[in-house]
N, C-alpha and C. Protein backbone atom coordinates (compact mmCIF):
# COMPACT_ATOMS: atom_id res chain seq x y z
N MET A 1 -23.93 71.56 -65.76
CA MET A 1 -22.45 71.92 -64.87
C MET A 1 -22.50 73.22 -64.14
N ARG A 2 -21.48 72.78 -63.13
CA ARG A 2 -21.35 73.97 -62.05
C ARG A 2 -19.93 74.26 -61.83
N LEU A 3 -19.58 75.46 -61.59
CA LEU A 3 -18.09 76.36 -61.30
C LEU A 3 -18.03 76.94 -59.87
N TYR A 4 -17.72 76.98 -59.28
CA TYR A 4 -17.67 77.53 -58.14
C TYR A 4 -16.37 78.75 -57.94
N THR A 5 -16.14 79.94 -57.16
CA THR A 5 -15.07 80.67 -57.41
C THR A 5 -14.68 80.48 -55.43
N ILE A 6 -13.59 80.48 -55.10
CA ILE A 6 -13.01 80.76 -53.62
C ILE A 6 -11.95 81.59 -53.74
N GLY A 7 -12.15 82.38 -52.65
CA GLY A 7 -10.82 83.23 -52.40
C GLY A 7 -10.46 82.56 -50.63
N TYR A 8 -9.05 82.82 -50.86
CA TYR A 8 -8.46 82.39 -49.78
C TYR A 8 -8.21 83.51 -48.50
N GLU A 9 -8.78 84.44 -48.80
CA GLU A 9 -8.32 85.50 -47.48
C GLU A 9 -8.98 85.26 -46.46
N GLY A 10 -8.33 85.06 -45.25
CA GLY A 10 -9.06 84.99 -43.91
C GLY A 10 -9.00 83.88 -43.66
N LEU A 11 -8.20 83.02 -44.62
CA LEU A 11 -8.68 81.61 -44.18
C LEU A 11 -7.10 80.54 -43.90
N ASN A 12 -6.80 79.81 -43.03
CA ASN A 12 -5.74 79.27 -43.28
C ASN A 12 -6.03 77.92 -43.97
N LEU A 13 -5.09 77.21 -44.31
CA LEU A 13 -5.31 75.79 -44.84
C LEU A 13 -6.35 74.77 -44.79
N PRO A 14 -6.09 74.33 -43.39
CA PRO A 14 -7.44 73.55 -43.22
C PRO A 14 -8.48 74.31 -43.31
N ALA A 15 -8.92 75.66 -43.06
CA ALA A 15 -10.34 75.83 -43.11
C ALA A 15 -10.56 75.76 -44.53
N PHE A 16 -9.60 75.94 -45.62
CA PHE A 16 -9.49 76.21 -47.30
C PHE A 16 -9.91 75.00 -47.67
N LEU A 17 -9.25 73.70 -47.11
CA LEU A 17 -9.44 72.28 -47.73
C LEU A 17 -11.00 72.26 -46.90
N ALA A 18 -10.94 72.48 -45.78
CA ALA A 18 -12.88 72.18 -45.52
C ALA A 18 -13.75 72.58 -46.34
N ALA A 19 -13.65 74.10 -46.77
CA ALA A 19 -14.48 74.54 -47.65
C ALA A 19 -14.33 73.89 -49.13
N LEU A 20 -13.25 73.40 -49.14
CA LEU A 20 -13.41 72.99 -50.84
C LEU A 20 -14.08 71.81 -50.81
N GLN A 21 -13.94 70.77 -49.69
CA GLN A 21 -14.39 69.58 -49.57
C GLN A 21 -15.77 69.45 -49.45
N GLU A 22 -16.48 70.61 -48.84
CA GLU A 22 -18.15 70.72 -48.56
C GLU A 22 -18.74 70.95 -49.99
N HIS A 23 -17.83 71.47 -51.00
CA HIS A 23 -18.59 71.33 -51.83
C HIS A 23 -18.07 70.57 -52.93
N SER A 24 -17.32 69.75 -52.49
CA SER A 24 -16.90 68.58 -53.08
C SER A 24 -15.94 69.05 -54.63
N ILE A 25 -14.93 69.95 -54.47
CA ILE A 25 -14.20 70.56 -55.38
C ILE A 25 -13.01 68.94 -55.69
N GLN A 26 -13.18 68.76 -56.99
CA GLN A 26 -12.10 67.57 -57.48
C GLN A 26 -10.66 68.76 -58.18
N THR A 27 -11.05 70.21 -58.62
CA THR A 27 -10.17 71.03 -59.16
C THR A 27 -9.79 72.31 -58.57
N VAL A 28 -8.80 72.78 -58.27
CA VAL A 28 -8.43 74.45 -57.86
C VAL A 28 -7.46 74.83 -59.38
N VAL A 29 -8.67 75.85 -59.33
CA VAL A 29 -8.12 76.69 -60.72
C VAL A 29 -7.71 77.78 -60.34
N ASP A 30 -5.76 77.83 -59.96
CA ASP A 30 -5.59 79.28 -59.57
C ASP A 30 -5.16 80.33 -60.87
N VAL A 31 -6.67 81.32 -60.60
CA VAL A 31 -6.35 82.41 -61.53
C VAL A 31 -5.42 84.19 -61.01
N ARG A 32 -4.60 83.41 -60.21
CA ARG A 32 -3.64 84.70 -60.02
C ARG A 32 -2.79 84.71 -60.90
N ALA A 33 -2.22 85.85 -61.30
CA ALA A 33 -1.33 86.20 -62.51
C ALA A 33 0.48 85.81 -61.81
N THR A 34 0.34 86.00 -60.60
CA THR A 34 1.55 85.27 -60.00
C THR A 34 1.32 84.53 -58.72
N PRO A 35 1.35 83.54 -58.79
CA PRO A 35 0.88 82.56 -57.51
C PRO A 35 1.53 82.54 -56.75
N VAL A 36 1.78 83.62 -56.19
CA VAL A 36 2.53 83.59 -54.64
C VAL A 36 1.90 84.11 -53.56
N SER A 37 2.11 84.13 -52.34
CA SER A 37 1.27 84.60 -51.46
C SER A 37 2.22 84.63 -50.27
N ARG A 38 2.01 85.99 -49.26
CA ARG A 38 2.32 86.07 -47.97
C ARG A 38 1.88 85.06 -47.11
N LYS A 39 0.80 84.48 -46.89
CA LYS A 39 -0.18 83.48 -46.51
C LYS A 39 0.54 82.10 -46.57
N PRO A 40 1.26 81.58 -45.53
CA PRO A 40 1.52 80.46 -45.38
C PRO A 40 0.90 79.27 -46.37
N GLY A 41 1.52 78.52 -47.38
CA GLY A 41 0.58 77.67 -47.82
C GLY A 41 0.21 77.83 -49.20
N PHE A 42 0.26 79.07 -49.37
CA PHE A 42 -0.99 79.41 -50.66
C PHE A 42 -0.18 80.20 -51.59
N SER A 43 1.21 79.64 -51.74
CA SER A 43 2.02 80.20 -53.09
C SER A 43 2.23 78.63 -53.71
N LYS A 44 2.17 78.71 -54.97
CA LYS A 44 1.97 77.44 -55.89
C LYS A 44 2.56 76.50 -55.37
N SER A 45 3.69 75.84 -55.37
CA SER A 45 4.40 74.99 -55.17
C SER A 45 3.65 74.19 -53.91
N LYS A 46 3.55 74.99 -52.41
CA LYS A 46 3.17 74.37 -51.38
C LYS A 46 1.47 73.83 -51.65
N LEU A 47 0.73 74.64 -52.36
CA LEU A 47 -0.41 74.55 -52.24
C LEU A 47 -0.70 73.81 -53.51
N GLN A 48 0.08 73.12 -54.12
CA GLN A 48 -0.15 71.90 -55.25
C GLN A 48 -0.22 70.85 -54.18
N GLY A 49 1.21 70.72 -53.64
CA GLY A 49 1.28 69.61 -52.93
C GLY A 49 0.65 69.19 -51.26
N PHE A 50 0.46 70.51 -51.18
CA PHE A 50 -1.31 70.23 -50.00
C PHE A 50 -2.63 69.76 -50.94
N LEU A 51 -2.74 70.71 -52.16
CA LEU A 51 -4.24 69.48 -52.49
C LEU A 51 -4.00 68.44 -52.76
N MET A 52 -2.60 67.91 -53.77
CA MET A 52 -2.49 66.27 -54.02
C MET A 52 -2.66 65.56 -52.54
N GLU A 53 -1.91 65.92 -51.80
CA GLU A 53 -2.50 65.22 -50.87
C GLU A 53 -3.51 64.79 -50.05
N SER A 54 -4.59 65.69 -50.29
CA SER A 54 -6.07 65.31 -50.61
C SER A 54 -7.06 65.18 -51.34
N ASP A 55 -6.09 64.89 -52.45
CA ASP A 55 -6.79 64.10 -53.76
C ASP A 55 -7.50 65.58 -54.41
N ILE A 56 -7.19 66.43 -54.22
CA ILE A 56 -7.55 67.74 -55.08
C ILE A 56 -6.25 68.31 -56.12
N SER A 57 -7.12 68.36 -57.62
CA SER A 57 -6.09 68.79 -58.63
C SER A 57 -5.61 70.01 -58.82
N TYR A 58 -4.47 70.64 -58.82
CA TYR A 58 -4.39 71.67 -59.26
C TYR A 58 -3.81 72.44 -60.15
N SER A 59 -4.98 73.19 -61.37
CA SER A 59 -4.07 73.87 -62.16
C SER A 59 -3.85 75.29 -62.18
N HIS A 60 -3.06 75.78 -62.35
CA HIS A 60 -2.64 77.16 -62.88
C HIS A 60 -2.96 78.05 -64.21
N PHE A 61 -3.84 78.96 -63.92
CA PHE A 61 -4.01 79.51 -65.46
C PHE A 61 -3.50 80.95 -65.48
N GLN A 62 -2.26 80.83 -65.65
CA GLN A 62 -1.61 82.34 -65.23
C GLN A 62 -2.06 83.55 -66.09
N SER A 63 -2.16 83.05 -67.74
CA SER A 63 -3.33 83.71 -68.47
C SER A 63 -4.40 84.37 -68.39
N LEU A 64 -5.68 83.75 -67.23
CA LEU A 64 -6.35 84.73 -66.55
C LEU A 64 -5.78 85.72 -65.73
N GLY A 65 -5.14 85.59 -65.10
CA GLY A 65 -5.16 86.26 -64.19
C GLY A 65 -5.01 88.07 -64.38
N CYS A 66 -5.01 88.57 -63.35
CA CYS A 66 -5.29 90.05 -63.93
C CYS A 66 -3.62 90.73 -64.15
N PRO A 67 -3.55 91.39 -65.45
CA PRO A 67 -2.25 91.76 -65.99
C PRO A 67 -1.69 92.83 -64.87
N ARG A 68 -0.39 93.32 -64.44
CA ARG A 68 -0.15 94.17 -63.59
C ARG A 68 -1.02 95.48 -64.18
N GLN A 69 -0.71 96.07 -65.67
CA GLN A 69 -1.25 97.67 -65.66
C GLN A 69 -2.66 98.09 -65.12
N ILE A 70 -3.49 96.64 -65.40
CA ILE A 70 -4.70 97.07 -64.96
C ILE A 70 -4.94 96.69 -63.59
N ARG A 71 -4.02 95.93 -62.45
CA ARG A 71 -4.12 96.08 -61.19
C ARG A 71 -3.58 97.16 -60.90
N ASP A 72 -2.53 97.59 -61.21
CA ASP A 72 -2.03 99.75 -61.08
C ASP A 72 -2.71 100.43 -61.34
N ALA A 73 -3.95 100.32 -62.29
CA ALA A 73 -4.76 101.18 -62.73
C ALA A 73 -5.89 101.32 -61.67
N TYR A 74 -6.49 100.17 -60.95
CA TYR A 74 -7.29 99.80 -60.32
C TYR A 74 -6.57 100.89 -58.92
N LYS A 75 -5.40 100.45 -58.48
CA LYS A 75 -5.07 100.96 -57.37
C LYS A 75 -4.64 102.32 -57.25
N ASN A 76 -4.64 103.26 -58.48
CA ASN A 76 -4.57 104.49 -58.50
C ASN A 76 -6.02 105.36 -58.65
N ASP A 77 -6.52 104.42 -59.30
CA ASP A 77 -8.25 105.01 -59.14
C ASP A 77 -9.52 104.63 -58.34
N GLY A 78 -9.38 103.47 -58.21
CA GLY A 78 -10.04 102.89 -57.37
C GLY A 78 -11.78 102.45 -57.88
N ASP A 79 -11.70 103.34 -59.23
CA ASP A 79 -12.83 102.48 -59.97
C ASP A 79 -13.01 101.12 -60.49
N TRP A 80 -14.13 100.49 -59.95
CA TRP A 80 -14.19 98.94 -60.09
C TRP A 80 -14.74 98.67 -61.66
N LYS A 81 -15.88 99.59 -61.83
CA LYS A 81 -16.00 99.45 -63.28
C LYS A 81 -15.04 99.95 -64.12
N HIS A 82 -14.40 100.37 -63.95
CA HIS A 82 -13.61 101.12 -65.38
C HIS A 82 -12.25 99.64 -64.93
N TYR A 83 -12.16 98.82 -63.79
CA TYR A 83 -11.26 97.70 -63.38
C TYR A 83 -11.99 96.63 -64.46
N CYS A 84 -13.00 96.71 -64.60
CA CYS A 84 -14.01 95.47 -64.85
C CYS A 84 -14.15 95.73 -66.31
N GLN A 85 -13.70 97.24 -67.20
CA GLN A 85 -13.76 97.17 -68.65
C GLN A 85 -12.58 96.31 -68.89
N LEU A 86 -11.70 96.91 -68.05
CA LEU A 86 -10.24 96.68 -68.87
C LEU A 86 -10.08 94.82 -68.68
N PHE A 87 -10.27 94.27 -67.40
CA PHE A 87 -10.30 92.97 -67.33
C PHE A 87 -11.03 92.35 -68.24
N ASN A 88 -12.51 92.60 -68.93
CA ASN A 88 -13.13 92.01 -69.59
C ASN A 88 -12.35 92.07 -71.04
N LEU A 89 -11.80 93.54 -71.24
CA LEU A 89 -10.99 93.46 -72.35
C LEU A 89 -10.02 92.41 -72.86
N HIS A 90 -9.08 92.48 -71.73
CA HIS A 90 -8.31 91.34 -71.02
C HIS A 90 -8.62 90.13 -72.26
N LEU A 91 -9.79 89.45 -71.12
CA LEU A 91 -10.93 88.50 -71.26
C LEU A 91 -10.93 87.79 -72.36
N ALA A 92 -11.38 89.17 -73.42
CA ALA A 92 -11.81 88.96 -75.04
C ALA A 92 -10.37 88.40 -75.54
N SER A 93 -9.42 88.55 -74.93
CA SER A 93 -7.94 88.08 -75.88
C SER A 93 -7.47 86.76 -75.43
N GLN A 94 -8.15 86.46 -74.36
CA GLN A 94 -8.06 84.80 -74.33
C GLN A 94 -8.58 84.15 -74.19
N GLN A 95 -9.55 83.55 -75.51
CA GLN A 95 -10.71 82.68 -75.70
C GLN A 95 -9.94 81.61 -75.57
N GLY A 96 -8.64 81.19 -75.95
CA GLY A 96 -7.80 79.52 -76.05
C GLY A 96 -8.34 79.17 -74.41
N SER A 97 -7.73 80.34 -73.47
CA SER A 97 -7.80 79.34 -72.03
C SER A 97 -8.91 79.42 -71.61
N LEU A 98 -10.14 80.64 -72.14
CA LEU A 98 -11.46 80.09 -71.39
C LEU A 98 -11.94 78.84 -72.02
N LEU A 99 -11.43 78.66 -73.22
CA LEU A 99 -12.12 77.14 -74.06
C LEU A 99 -11.27 76.24 -72.92
N GLU A 100 -10.35 76.54 -72.55
CA GLU A 100 -9.47 75.24 -72.22
C GLU A 100 -10.24 75.30 -70.51
N LEU A 101 -10.40 75.93 -70.29
CA LEU A 101 -10.81 75.98 -68.70
C LEU A 101 -12.20 75.80 -68.61
N SER A 102 -13.25 75.86 -70.00
CA SER A 102 -14.86 75.08 -69.76
C SER A 102 -14.53 73.80 -69.57
N ARG A 103 -13.40 73.36 -70.94
CA ARG A 103 -12.82 71.68 -71.04
C ARG A 103 -12.90 71.14 -69.73
N LEU A 104 -12.24 71.78 -68.81
CA LEU A 104 -11.34 71.24 -67.71
C LEU A 104 -13.27 71.25 -66.54
N ALA A 105 -13.60 72.25 -66.52
CA ALA A 105 -15.13 72.31 -65.56
C ALA A 105 -15.98 71.34 -66.23
N ASP A 106 -15.73 70.54 -67.25
CA ASP A 106 -16.94 69.51 -67.86
C ASP A 106 -16.15 68.42 -67.39
N GLU A 107 -15.19 68.59 -67.26
CA GLU A 107 -14.54 66.92 -66.90
C GLU A 107 -14.55 66.92 -64.98
N SER A 108 -14.24 67.72 -64.70
CA SER A 108 -14.08 68.28 -62.75
C SER A 108 -14.82 69.14 -62.29
N ARG A 109 -15.13 68.96 -61.01
CA ARG A 109 -15.70 69.98 -60.13
C ARG A 109 -14.67 71.00 -60.21
N CYS A 110 -14.61 71.88 -60.56
CA CYS A 110 -14.05 73.46 -60.44
C CYS A 110 -14.34 74.15 -59.39
N ALA A 111 -13.07 75.07 -58.95
CA ALA A 111 -13.18 75.95 -57.90
C ALA A 111 -11.78 77.14 -58.71
N LEU A 112 -12.74 78.68 -58.99
CA LEU A 112 -11.65 79.33 -59.45
C LEU A 112 -11.10 79.89 -58.20
N MET A 113 -9.70 80.18 -57.95
CA MET A 113 -9.09 80.43 -56.62
C MET A 113 -8.47 81.66 -57.04
N CYS A 114 -8.52 83.13 -56.08
CA CYS A 114 -7.89 83.53 -56.08
C CYS A 114 -7.87 84.46 -54.34
N PHE A 115 -7.32 85.63 -54.43
CA PHE A 115 -6.90 85.99 -52.97
C PHE A 115 -8.76 86.53 -51.60
N GLU A 116 -9.13 87.50 -52.85
CA GLU A 116 -9.88 88.55 -51.95
C GLU A 116 -11.30 87.24 -51.63
N ALA A 117 -11.17 87.36 -50.06
CA ALA A 117 -12.82 86.72 -49.98
C ALA A 117 -13.93 87.14 -50.77
N ASP A 118 -14.56 88.21 -51.38
CA ASP A 118 -15.20 88.51 -51.81
C ASP A 118 -15.33 88.75 -53.09
N HIS A 119 -16.14 87.73 -53.68
CA HIS A 119 -16.52 87.39 -55.17
C HIS A 119 -16.48 88.67 -56.12
N GLN A 120 -17.22 89.24 -55.44
CA GLN A 120 -17.23 90.65 -56.46
C GLN A 120 -16.86 91.54 -56.22
N ALA A 121 -15.56 91.54 -55.51
CA ALA A 121 -14.33 92.39 -55.36
C ALA A 121 -13.16 91.81 -55.88
N CYS A 122 -13.31 90.54 -57.07
CA CYS A 122 -12.03 90.10 -57.77
C CYS A 122 -12.97 89.12 -59.17
N HIS A 123 -11.47 89.52 -59.87
CA HIS A 123 -11.44 88.74 -61.38
C HIS A 123 -12.14 87.66 -61.39
N ARG A 124 -11.95 86.79 -60.29
CA ARG A 124 -12.57 85.28 -60.53
C ARG A 124 -14.55 85.27 -60.67
N SER A 125 -14.64 86.23 -60.45
CA SER A 125 -16.17 86.46 -60.77
C SER A 125 -16.44 87.10 -62.22
N LEU A 126 -15.46 87.61 -62.48
CA LEU A 126 -15.46 88.18 -63.89
C LEU A 126 -15.07 86.87 -65.16
N ILE A 127 -13.71 86.31 -64.76
CA ILE A 127 -13.91 84.97 -65.42
C ILE A 127 -14.88 84.16 -65.27
N ALA A 128 -15.59 83.75 -64.52
CA ALA A 128 -17.14 83.27 -64.46
C ALA A 128 -18.20 82.97 -65.18
N GLU A 129 -18.25 84.92 -64.95
CA GLU A 129 -19.57 85.39 -66.17
C GLU A 129 -19.00 85.02 -67.45
N ALA A 130 -17.85 85.11 -67.82
CA ALA A 130 -17.33 85.17 -69.13
C ALA A 130 -17.69 83.43 -69.68
N LEU A 131 -17.46 82.60 -68.80
CA LEU A 131 -17.79 81.30 -68.94
C LEU A 131 -19.46 81.18 -68.71
N LYS A 132 -19.57 81.65 -68.23
CA LYS A 132 -21.02 81.27 -67.90
C LYS A 132 -22.11 82.01 -69.68
N HIS A 133 -21.36 83.27 -70.21
CA HIS A 133 -22.03 83.16 -71.26
C HIS A 133 -22.05 82.15 -72.28
N GLU A 134 -20.97 81.47 -72.68
CA GLU A 134 -20.42 80.88 -73.23
C GLU A 134 -21.16 79.54 -73.12
N SER A 135 -21.87 79.08 -72.27
CA SER A 135 -21.83 77.63 -71.94
C SER A 135 -23.20 77.51 -71.05
N SER A 136 -23.74 76.57 -70.52
CA SER A 136 -24.38 76.50 -69.47
C SER A 136 -24.33 76.11 -67.99
N LEU A 137 -23.30 77.07 -68.23
CA LEU A 137 -22.78 76.41 -66.45
C LEU A 137 -23.55 77.64 -65.57
N ALA A 138 -23.42 76.89 -64.59
CA ALA A 138 -23.89 77.68 -63.70
C ALA A 138 -22.90 77.86 -62.25
N VAL A 139 -22.74 78.93 -61.80
CA VAL A 139 -21.87 79.49 -61.24
C VAL A 139 -22.66 79.51 -59.37
N GLY A 140 -21.38 79.21 -58.65
CA GLY A 140 -21.48 79.27 -56.98
C GLY A 140 -20.41 80.12 -56.45
N HIS A 141 -20.82 80.53 -55.54
CA HIS A 141 -19.15 81.01 -54.82
C HIS A 141 -18.81 80.78 -53.23
N ILE A 142 -18.07 79.77 -53.02
CA ILE A 142 -17.73 79.36 -51.95
C ILE A 142 -17.30 80.36 -51.08
């Protein structure tokens, strides 16, 4: 089983879709706590409609988004290691959502989606790592 991650920073909708299609993604898993964006087309309902037109499913896992207090702490101190510790504590309390996501990834070729272009500076890589430890999951970053 393989799971991908993708960030839409710097992409428009056609480029985002092309990247998904290049990797044969069947389901985009939105892991933003709040699925709204200032980038045209990347807010939940618009994105979901756009993906449906391209035969790609959309699923929103709000529980796997980064809680505001963790985001605020990171904005204040800029300490990525501390951010990872706090977010991993949050993930530990989301075992049901991680199990549901693992099942979805078993059934469909999924890409975890968030804003940041660099997966190493985004919580989606922490989610992917948590899933990787629970299963024989291989992770790729688009």
